[in-house]
Amino acid sequence: DGQSSLVDTKLYPEIIKSRRLARELLKMKFKTDDKSESLPLVKILSNDFSDSAISIQQIYNNTGKLLKMINVKTTPTQLLSLEIGSIDKDLSINLMKALISKLEELLITFKDSEVSEKKEFILDRILRIESDLITHEDELKTFREKNRKINYSPALVLQEERFIREIEVQKQIY
């Protein structure tokens, strides 16, 4: 239909490099070589190994840093080439796994949202068509009540046929 779906594979690089996905990853906990405990990625990237809470400013400051670590390209065969660079091999591997997992979650969210919007549109359309159908049926009823002897007038017969045709069209749409 010419319109791109939110889950169109051509949009994967944009989603992967999105700030929304980066913020999700920054809040996740990871282990590094030199630390025995898992820490939020934002703490690792900002070299803040304290127990303090994550601030919005830390997330904001490290979003760009994380996005620079992620390299995504589309190959000529439409496959994605995804690389994550960090100073810690295990962190890069775990970050890649987390990125793929969060990407799947995000795509499901987008798809659910898309389906919900379509469903809402269809239900709204059905209600409007039903309302139109009832209106046209009432108009035909009123017409027949006012014109009891329509067989003697070709103009009235034609008008009645138009009402009936309109109702049939509305029934088909409904």
Protein backbone atom coordinates (compact mmCIF):
# COMPACT_ATOMS: atom_id res chain seq x y z
CA ASP A 1 0.00 0.00 0.00
CA GLY A 2 3.04 2.28 -0.20
CA GLN A 3 3.02 3.22 3.48
CA SER A 4 5.82 2.07 5.75
CA SER A 5 4.89 0.00 8.72
CA LEU A 6 6.55 0.81 12.01
CA VAL A 7 8.02 -2.67 11.98
CA ASP A 8 9.34 -2.40 8.42
CA THR A 9 12.86 -3.85 8.38
CA LYS A 10 14.13 -0.73 6.60
CA LEU A 11 13.46 1.16 9.84
CA TYR A 12 15.47 -1.20 12.08
CA PRO A 13 18.67 0.90 11.87
CA GLU A 14 16.70 3.99 12.92
CA ILE A 15 15.07 2.14 15.82
CA ILE A 16 18.41 0.64 16.92
CA LYS A 17 20.01 4.11 16.92
CA SER A 18 17.00 5.71 18.65
CA ARG A 19 17.30 7.56 21.94
CA ARG A 20 14.33 5.59 23.28
CA LEU A 21 16.15 2.27 22.89
CA ALA A 22 19.39 3.78 24.23
CA ARG A 23 17.63 5.04 27.38
CA GLU A 24 16.21 1.55 27.98
CA LEU A 25 19.69 0.02 27.66
CA LEU A 26 21.30 2.63 29.92
CA LYS A 27 19.02 1.57 32.79
CA MET A 28 19.87 -2.13 32.43
CA LYS A 29 22.49 -3.76 34.64
CA PHE A 30 25.69 -5.30 33.23
CA LYS A 31 28.87 -6.83 34.58
CA THR A 32 32.33 -5.66 33.61
CA ASP A 33 35.65 -7.50 33.90
CA ASP A 34 36.86 -5.58 36.91
CA LYS A 35 33.57 -5.52 38.88
CA SER A 36 31.91 -8.48 40.55
CA GLU A 37 28.51 -6.83 40.81
CA SER A 38 26.16 -5.79 38.02
CA LEU A 39 25.77 -2.07 37.52
CA PRO A 40 23.44 0.01 35.36
CA LEU A 41 25.09 0.71 32.01
CA VAL A 42 24.80 4.45 32.61
CA LYS A 43 26.97 4.06 35.73
CA ILE A 44 29.56 2.04 33.81
CA LEU A 45 29.73 4.55 30.95
CA SER A 46 30.06 7.51 33.31
CA ASN A 47 32.63 5.71 35.53
CA ASP A 48 30.34 6.27 38.51
CA PHE A 49 30.59 3.17 40.67
CA SER A 50 28.81 4.71 43.66
CA ASP A 51 25.50 3.53 45.06
CA SER A 52 23.82 6.82 44.18
CA ALA A 53 20.59 6.80 42.19
CA ILE A 54 20.68 7.25 38.45
CA SER A 55 19.91 10.82 37.51
CA ILE A 56 18.09 12.04 34.44
CA GLN A 57 21.18 14.10 33.64
CA GLN A 58 23.34 10.94 33.64
CA ILE A 59 20.93 9.26 31.22
CA TYR A 60 20.90 12.37 29.01
CA ASN A 61 24.71 12.74 29.04
CA ASN A 62 25.38 9.09 28.22
CA THR A 63 22.73 8.52 25.56
CA GLY A 64 24.96 9.96 22.84
CA LYS A 65 27.95 8.07 24.18
CA LEU A 66 26.07 4.78 23.93
CA LEU A 67 24.76 5.56 20.45
CA LYS A 68 28.33 6.19 19.26
CA MET A 69 29.27 2.70 20.50
CA ILE A 70 26.59 1.12 18.28
CA ASN A 71 27.26 0.75 14.57
CA VAL A 72 24.46 -0.56 12.38
CA LYS A 73 24.50 -0.95 8.60
CA THR A 74 22.21 -2.58 6.07
CA THR A 75 24.02 -4.95 3.72
CA PRO A 76 23.20 -5.09 -0.01
CA THR A 77 21.17 -8.25 0.71
CA GLN A 78 19.06 -6.30 3.26
CA LEU A 79 20.67 -8.00 6.28
CA LEU A 80 21.67 -5.89 9.24
CA SER A 81 25.28 -5.64 10.31
CA LEU A 82 25.39 -4.69 13.98
CA GLU A 83 28.56 -3.91 15.95
CA ILE A 84 29.01 -2.69 19.50
CA GLY A 85 32.35 -1.38 20.61
CA SER A 86 33.43 -1.05 24.21
CA ILE A 87 36.63 -1.54 26.17
CA ASP A 88 35.24 -4.74 27.68
CA LYS A 89 34.57 -7.75 25.41
CA ASP A 90 32.00 -9.31 27.79
CA LEU A 91 30.19 -6.00 28.13
CA SER A 92 29.98 -5.72 24.33
CA ILE A 93 28.55 -9.24 24.05
CA ASN A 94 26.01 -8.72 26.83
CA LEU A 95 25.10 -5.31 25.49
CA MET A 96 24.48 -6.84 22.05
CA LYS A 97 22.18 -9.47 23.58
CA ALA A 98 20.34 -6.82 25.58
CA LEU A 99 20.01 -4.58 22.52
CA ILE A 100 18.47 -7.39 20.48
CA SER A 101 16.12 -8.28 23.33
CA LYS A 102 15.01 -4.66 23.82
CA LEU A 103 14.65 -4.24 20.05
CA GLU A 104 12.28 -7.23 19.97
CA GLU A 105 10.26 -5.75 22.85
CA LEU A 106 10.08 -2.38 21.12
CA LEU A 107 8.98 -3.93 17.82
CA ILE A 108 6.24 -5.88 19.60
CA THR A 109 5.12 -2.66 21.28
CA PHE A 110 5.05 -0.86 17.92
CA LYS A 111 3.15 -3.71 16.26
CA ASP A 112 0.62 -3.86 19.13
CA SER A 113 0.13 -0.11 18.87
CA GLU A 114 -0.34 -0.34 15.11
CA VAL A 115 -2.90 -3.15 15.45
CA SER A 116 -4.76 -1.26 18.19
CA GLU A 117 -4.98 1.85 16.02
CA LYS A 118 -6.32 -0.17 13.08
CA LYS A 119 -8.84 -1.94 15.29
CA GLU A 120 -10.00 1.37 16.77
CA PHE A 121 -10.39 2.85 13.27
CA ILE A 122 -12.40 -0.15 12.06
CA LEU A 123 -14.70 -0.12 15.10
CA ASP A 124 -15.27 3.62 14.70
CA ARG A 125 -16.01 3.15 11.01
CA ILE A 126 -18.50 0.35 11.74
CA LEU A 127 -20.36 2.57 14.22
CA ARG A 128 -20.57 5.42 11.71
CA ILE A 129 -21.79 3.13 8.93
CA GLU A 130 -24.37 1.56 11.25
CA SER A 131 -25.58 5.04 12.17
CA ASP A 132 -25.83 6.00 8.48
CA LEU A 133 -27.74 2.79 7.73
CA ILE A 134 -30.25 3.48 10.51
CA THR A 135 -30.68 7.06 9.27
CA HIS A 136 -31.38 5.90 5.70
CA GLU A 137 -33.83 3.25 6.89
CA ASP A 138 -35.68 5.89 8.92
CA GLU A 139 -35.79 8.17 5.87
CA LEU A 140 -37.31 5.35 3.78
CA LYS A 141 -39.88 4.64 6.51
CA THR A 142 -40.84 8.32 6.70
CA PHE A 143 -41.04 8.52 2.89
CA ARG A 144 -43.35 5.47 2.75
CA GLU A 145 -45.56 6.85 5.54
CA LYS A 146 -45.99 10.16 3.69
CA ASN A 147 -46.47 8.58 0.27
CA ARG A 148 -48.87 5.65 0.64
CA LYS A 149 -49.86 5.46 -3.03
CA ILE A 150 -46.48 5.72 -4.76
CA ASN A 151 -47.41 3.26 -7.54
CA TYR A 152 -49.28 6.05 -9.35
CA SER A 153 -46.27 8.35 -9.51
CA PRO A 154 -43.12 7.37 -11.42
CA ALA A 155 -41.17 10.11 -9.59
CA LEU A 156 -42.11 8.67 -6.20
CA VAL A 157 -41.27 5.11 -7.34
CA LEU A 158 -37.87 6.37 -8.49
CA GLN A 159 -37.32 8.16 -5.17
CA GLU A 160 -38.23 4.98 -3.26
CA GLU A 161 -35.81 2.93 -5.39
CA ARG A 162 -33.05 5.42 -4.61
CA PHE A 163 -33.71 5.05 -0.86
CA ILE A 164 -33.68 1.25 -1.19
CA ARG A 165 -30.46 1.33 -3.26
CA GLU A 166 -28.77 3.58 -0.70
CA ILE A 167 -29.81 1.22 2.10
CA GLU A 168 -28.43 -1.77 0.15
CA VAL A 169 -25.11 0.04 -0.33
CA GLN A 170 -24.95 0.84 3.39
CA LYS A 171 -25.75 -2.81 4.23
CA GLN A 172 -22.92 -3.99 1.96
CA ILE A 173 -20.47 -1.58 3.55
CA TYR A 174 -21.65 -2.56 7.02
